[in-house]
PDB file of N, CA and C in Angstrom:
ATOM      1  N   PRO A   1      17.551 -24.467   8.142  1.00  0.00           N
ATOM      2  CA  PRO A   1      16.823 -23.226   7.449  1.00  0.00           C
ATOM      3  C   PRO A   1      16.858 -22.097   8.627  1.00  0.00           C
ATOM      4  N   GLY A   2      16.682 -20.753   8.039  1.00  0.00           N
ATOM      5  CA  GLY A   2      16.701 -19.745   8.744  1.00  0.00           C
ATOM      6  C   GLY A   2      15.215 -18.980   8.418  1.00  0.00           C
ATOM      7  N   PRO A   3      15.027 -18.111   9.228  1.00  0.00           N
ATOM      8  CA  PRO A   3      13.984 -16.970   9.164  1.00  0.00           C
ATOM      9  C   PRO A   3      14.140 -16.426   7.870  1.00  0.00           C
ATOM     10  N   ILE A   4      12.580 -16.391   7.030  1.00  0.00           N
ATOM     11  CA  ILE A   4      12.856 -16.260   5.567  1.00  0.00           C
ATOM     12  C   ILE A   4      12.938 -14.420   5.505  1.00  0.00           C
ATOM     13  N   SER A   5      12.401 -13.876   6.586  1.00  0.00           N
ATOM     14  CA  SER A   5      12.215 -12.347   6.495  1.00  0.00           C
ATOM     15  C   SER A   5      12.568 -11.817   8.266  1.00  0.00           C
ATOM     16  N   ASN A   6      12.991 -10.517   8.420  1.00  0.00           N
ATOM     17  CA  ASN A   6      13.372  -9.997   9.729  1.00  0.00           C
ATOM     18  C   ASN A   6      12.926  -8.624   9.679  1.00  0.00           C
ATOM     19  N   PRO A   7      11.664  -8.107   9.838  1.00  0.00           N
ATOM     20  CA  PRO A   7      11.310  -6.761   9.975  1.00  0.00           C
ATOM     21  C   PRO A   7      12.369  -5.779  10.396  1.00  0.00           C
ATOM     22  N   GLY A   8      12.638  -4.689  10.083  1.00  0.00           N
ATOM     23  CA  GLY A   8      13.709  -3.953  10.775  1.00  0.00           C
ATOM     24  C   GLY A   8      12.797  -3.069  11.901  1.00  0.00           C
ATOM     25  N   LYS A   9      13.668  -2.112  12.755  1.00  0.00           N
ATOM     26  CA  LYS A   9      13.315  -1.232  13.497  1.00  0.00           C
ATOM     27  C   LYS A   9      11.996  -0.407  13.267  1.00  0.00           C
ATOM     28  N   ALA A  10      12.167   0.207  11.653  1.00  0.00           N
ATOM     29  CA  ALA A  10      11.204   1.571  11.281  1.00  0.00           C
ATOM     30  C   ALA A  10       9.797   0.529  11.314  1.00  0.00           C
ATOM     31  N   ALA A  11       9.672  -0.898  10.813  1.00  0.00           N
ATOM     32  CA  ALA A  11       8.528  -1.523  10.377  1.00  0.00           C
ATOM     33  C   ALA A  11       8.039  -1.740  11.786  1.00  0.00           C
ATOM     34  N   MET A  12       8.965  -2.222  12.857  1.00  0.00           N
ATOM     35  CA  MET A  12       8.081  -2.548  14.116  1.00  0.00           C
ATOM     36  C   MET A  12       7.652  -1.289  14.619  1.00  0.00           C
ATOM     37  N   GLU A  13       8.218   0.030  14.549  1.00  0.00           N
ATOM     38  CA  GLU A  13       7.802   1.019  15.111  1.00  0.00           C
ATOM     39  C   GLU A  13       6.317   1.354  14.342  1.00  0.00           C
ATOM     40  N   ALA A  14       6.261   1.084  13.425  1.00  0.00           N
ATOM     41  CA  ALA A  14       5.134   1.557  12.537  1.00  0.00           C
ATOM     42  C   ALA A  14       3.756   0.494  12.967  1.00  0.00           C
ATOM     43  N   MET A  15       4.304  -0.596  12.948  1.00  0.00           N
ATOM     44  CA  MET A  15       3.419  -1.376  13.665  1.00  0.00           C
ATOM     45  C   MET A  15       2.688  -1.117  14.923  1.00  0.00           C
ATOM     46  N   LEU A  16       3.747  -0.880  15.990  1.00  0.00           N
ATOM     47  CA  LEU A  16       3.016  -0.177  17.195  1.00  0.00           C
ATOM     48  C   LEU A  16       2.453   1.023  17.415  1.00  0.00           C
ATOM     49  N   ASN A  17       2.775   1.844  16.462  1.00  0.00           N
ATOM     50  CA  ASN A  17       2.082   2.973  16.401  1.00  0.00           C
ATOM     51  C   ASN A  17       1.688   3.686  15.107  1.00  0.00           C
ATOM     52  N   PRO A  18       0.354   3.010  14.785  1.00  0.00           N
ATOM     53  CA  PRO A  18       0.172   2.750  13.354  1.00  0.00           C
ATOM     54  C   PRO A  18      -0.558   4.644  12.945  1.00  0.00           C
ATOM     55  N   GLN A  19      -0.181   4.919  11.821  1.00  0.00           N
ATOM     56  CA  GLN A  19      -0.751   6.178  11.378  1.00  0.00           C
ATOM     57  C   GLN A  19      -2.185   6.108  11.458  1.00  0.00           C
ATOM     58  N   LYS A  20      -2.820   7.501  11.976  1.00  0.00           N
ATOM     59  CA  LYS A  20      -4.342   7.280  11.761  1.00  0.00           C
ATOM     60  C   LYS A  20      -5.051   7.624  10.209  1.00  0.00           C
ATOM     61  N   ASN A  21      -5.635   7.257  10.034  1.00  0.00           N
ATOM     62  CA  ASN A  21      -6.284   7.077   8.738  1.00  0.00           C
ATOM     63  C   ASN A  21      -7.723   6.632   8.601  1.00  0.00           C
ATOM     64  N   ASN A  22      -8.677   7.005   7.378  1.00  0.00           N
ATOM     65  CA  ASN A  22      -9.801   6.568   7.261  1.00  0.00           C
ATOM     66  C   ASN A  22      -9.433   5.677   5.499  1.00  0.00           C
ATOM     67  N   TYR A  23      -8.484   5.090   5.365  1.00  0.00           N
ATOM     68  CA  TYR A  23      -8.326   4.480   4.236  1.00  0.00           C
ATOM     69  C   TYR A  23      -9.250   2.839   4.637  1.00  0.00           C
ATOM     70  N   LEU A  24      -9.601   2.500   3.752  1.00  0.00           N
ATOM     71  CA  LEU A  24     -10.621   1.096   3.598  1.00  0.00           C
ATOM     72  C   LEU A  24      -9.974   0.264   2.092  1.00  0.00           C
ATOM     73  N   TYR A  25      -9.441   0.960   1.161  1.00  0.00           N
ATOM     74  CA  TYR A  25      -8.766   0.113   0.224  1.00  0.00           C
ATOM     75  C   TYR A  25      -7.489   0.594  -0.394  1.00  0.00           C
ATOM     76  N   TYR A  26      -6.785  -0.425  -0.651  1.00  0.00           N
ATOM     77  CA  TYR A  26      -5.492   0.116  -1.332  1.00  0.00           C
ATOM     78  C   TYR A  26      -5.137  -0.922  -2.531  1.00  0.00           C
ATOM     79  N   VAL A  27      -4.306  -0.351  -3.356  1.00  0.00           N
ATOM     80  CA  VAL A  27      -4.163  -1.256  -4.648  1.00  0.00           C
ATOM     81  C   VAL A  27      -2.555  -0.626  -5.064  1.00  0.00           C
ATOM     82  N   THR A  28      -1.720  -1.713  -5.415  1.00  0.00           N
ATOM     83  CA  THR A  28      -0.375  -1.341  -6.119  1.00  0.00           C
ATOM     84  C   THR A  28      -0.605  -0.456  -7.123  1.00  0.00           C
ATOM     85  N   LYS A  29       0.737   0.662  -7.071  1.00  0.00           N
ATOM     86  CA  LYS A  29       0.707   1.734  -8.105  1.00  0.00           C
ATOM     87  C   LYS A  29       0.968   0.888  -9.486  1.00  0.00           C
ATOM     88  N   LYS A  30       1.933  -0.211  -9.319  1.00  0.00           N
ATOM     89  CA  LYS A  30       2.459  -0.606 -10.387  1.00  0.00           C
ATOM     90  C   LYS A  30       3.042  -0.231 -11.338  1.00  0.00           C
ATOM     91  N   ASP A  31       4.235   0.564 -10.878  1.00  0.00           N
ATOM     92  CA  ASP A  31       4.946   1.507 -11.215  1.00  0.00           C
ATOM     93  C   ASP A  31       6.456   1.191 -11.396  1.00  0.00           C
ATOM     94  N   GLY A  32       6.518   0.115 -10.402  1.00  0.00           N
ATOM     95  CA  GLY A  32       7.838  -0.180 -10.128  1.00  0.00           C
ATOM     96  C   GLY A  32       8.375   0.209  -8.864  1.00  0.00           C
ATOM     97  N   THR A  33       7.783   0.967  -8.178  1.00  0.00           N
ATOM     98  CA  THR A  33       8.224   1.552  -7.001  1.00  0.00           C
ATOM     99  C   THR A  33       7.849   0.795  -5.944  1.00  0.00           C
ATOM    100  N   GLY A  34       6.883  -0.255  -5.843  1.00  0.00           N
ATOM    101  CA  GLY A  34       6.567  -0.643  -4.504  1.00  0.00           C
ATOM    102  C   GLY A  34       5.458   0.108  -3.878  1.00  0.00           C
ATOM    103  N   GLU A  35       5.003   1.230  -4.117  1.00  0.00           N
ATOM    104  CA  GLU A  35       4.253   2.227  -3.618  1.00  0.00           C
ATOM    105  C   GLU A  35       2.733   1.790  -4.017  1.00  0.00           C
ATOM    106  N   HIS A  36       1.729   2.084  -3.011  1.00  0.00           N
ATOM    107  CA  HIS A  36       0.344   1.905  -3.166  1.00  0.00           C
ATOM    108  C   HIS A  36      -0.511   2.983  -2.975  1.00  0.00           C
ATOM    109  N   TYR A  37      -1.712   3.092  -4.129  1.00  0.00           N
ATOM    110  CA  TYR A  37      -2.684   4.104  -4.000  1.00  0.00           C
ATOM    111  C   TYR A  37      -3.586   3.534  -2.698  1.00  0.00           C
ATOM    112  N   PHE A  38      -3.972   4.344  -1.884  1.00  0.00           N
ATOM    113  CA  PHE A  38      -4.981   4.290  -0.905  1.00  0.00           C
ATOM    114  C   PHE A  38      -6.398   5.380  -1.148  1.00  0.00           C
ATOM    115  N   ALA A  39      -7.359   4.501  -0.681  1.00  0.00           N
ATOM    116  CA  ALA A  39      -8.701   5.215  -0.750  1.00  0.00           C
ATOM    117  C   ALA A  39      -9.427   5.253   0.411  1.00  0.00           C
ATOM    118  N   GLU A  40     -10.436   5.695   0.619  1.00  0.00           N
ATOM    119  CA  GLU A  40     -11.681   6.204   1.585  1.00  0.00           C
ATOM    120  C   GLU A  40     -12.831   5.521   1.089  1.00  0.00           C
ATOM    121  N   THR A  41     -12.943   5.708   0.022  1.00  0.00           N
ATOM    122  CA  THR A  41     -14.453   5.134  -0.545  1.00  0.00           C
ATOM    123  C   THR A  41     -13.921   4.309  -2.043  1.00  0.00           C
ATOM    124  N   PHE A  42     -15.187   3.490  -2.405  1.00  0.00           N
ATOM    125  CA  PHE A  42     -15.063   2.554  -3.166  1.00  0.00           C
ATOM    126  C   PHE A  42     -14.977   3.196  -4.586  1.00  0.00           C
ATOM    127  N   ALA A  43     -15.685   4.184  -4.877  1.00  0.00           N
ATOM    128  CA  ALA A  43     -15.532   5.174  -5.815  1.00  0.00           C
ATOM    129  C   ALA A  43     -13.830   5.403  -6.501  1.00  0.00           C
ATOM    130  N   LYS A  44     -13.198   6.126  -4.948  1.00  0.00           N
ATOM    131  CA  LYS A  44     -11.858   6.337  -5.422  1.00  0.00           C
ATOM    132  C   LYS A  44     -10.875   5.204  -5.281  1.00  0.00           C
ATOM    133  N   HIS A  45     -11.723   4.174  -5.182  1.00  0.00           N
ATOM    134  CA  HIS A  45     -10.599   3.039  -4.887  1.00  0.00           C
ATOM    135  C   HIS A  45     -10.736   2.689  -6.511  1.00  0.00           C
ATOM    136  N   LYS A  46     -12.078   2.471  -7.321  1.00  0.00           N
ATOM    137  CA  LYS A  46     -12.179   2.060  -8.617  1.00  0.00           C
ATOM    138  C   LYS A  46     -11.412   3.082  -9.582  1.00  0.00           C
ATOM    139  N   GLU A  47     -11.077   4.446  -9.322  1.00  0.00           N
ATOM    140  CA  GLU A  47     -10.476   5.424 -10.044  1.00  0.00           C
ATOM    141  C   GLU A  47      -8.830   4.919  -9.755  1.00  0.00           C
ATOM    142  N   ASN A  48      -8.476   4.709  -8.445  1.00  0.00           N
ATOM    143  CA  ASN A  48      -6.962   4.145  -8.260  1.00  0.00           C
ATOM    144  C   ASN A  48      -6.668   3.022  -9.056  1.00  0.00           C
ATOM    145  N   ILE A  49      -7.682   2.011  -9.238  1.00  0.00           N
ATOM    146  CA  ILE A  49      -7.510   0.873 -10.024  1.00  0.00           C
ATOM    147  C   ILE A  49      -7.207   1.136 -11.429  1.00  0.00           C
ATOM    148  N   ARG A  50      -7.603   1.941 -12.030  1.00  0.00           N
ATOM    149  CA  ARG A  50      -7.921   2.346 -13.448  1.00  0.00           C
ATOM    150  C   ARG A  50      -6.104   3.014 -13.457  1.00  0.00           C
ATOM    151  N   ARG A  51      -5.918   4.118 -12.304  1.00  0.00           N
ATOM    152  CA  ARG A  51      -4.517   4.526 -12.166  1.00  0.00           C
ATOM    153  C   ARG A  51      -3.512   3.721 -12.438  1.00  0.00           C
ATOM    154  N   SER A  52      -3.866   2.719 -11.680  1.00  0.00           N
ATOM    155  CA  SER A  52      -2.677   1.589 -11.651  1.00  0.00           C
ATOM    156  C   SER A  52      -2.487   0.514 -12.787  1.00  0.00           C
ATOM    157  N   GLU A  53      -3.530   0.583 -13.059  1.00  0.00           N
ATOM    158  CA  GLU A  53      -3.399  -0.259 -14.629  1.00  0.00           C
ATOM    159  C   GLU A  53      -2.840   0.667 -15.768  1.00  0.00           C
ATOM    160  N   ALA A  54      -3.107   1.780 -15.590  1.00  0.00           N
ATOM    161  CA  ALA A  54      -2.713   2.982 -16.758  1.00  0.00           C
ATOM    162  C   ALA A  54      -1.005   2.731 -16.426  1.00  0.00           C
ATOM    163  N   ASN A  55      -0.398   2.708 -15.422  1.00  0.00           N
ATOM    164  CA  ASN A  55       1.184   2.680 -15.375  1.00  0.00           C
ATOM    165  C   ASN A  55       1.608   1.399 -15.978  1.00  0.00           C
ATOM    166  N   LEU A  56       1.196   0.308 -16.021  1.00  0.00           N
ATOM    167  CA  LEU A  56       1.416  -0.701 -17.029  1.00  0.00           C
ATOM    168  C   LEU A  56       1.668  -0.714 -18.244  1.00  0.00           C
ATOM    169  N   LYS A  57       0.898   0.176 -19.159  1.00  0.00           N
ATOM    170  CA  LYS A  57       1.164   0.721 -20.503  1.00  0.00           C
ATOM    171  C   LYS A  57       2.431   1.494 -20.648  1.00  0.00           C
TER     172      LYS A  57
END
């Protein structure tokens, strides 16, 4: 057996030098891109959840 995954250089640099933000919540976009919606407030997070669920339709 070998390693399951090996992060690339960009992932390691992002881990060592994270982007500054005030995000507390995130949810996947569910649109096939693998991207996420981020939010600073719970109200915005709930809106993002609705957006995410709409992408499934």
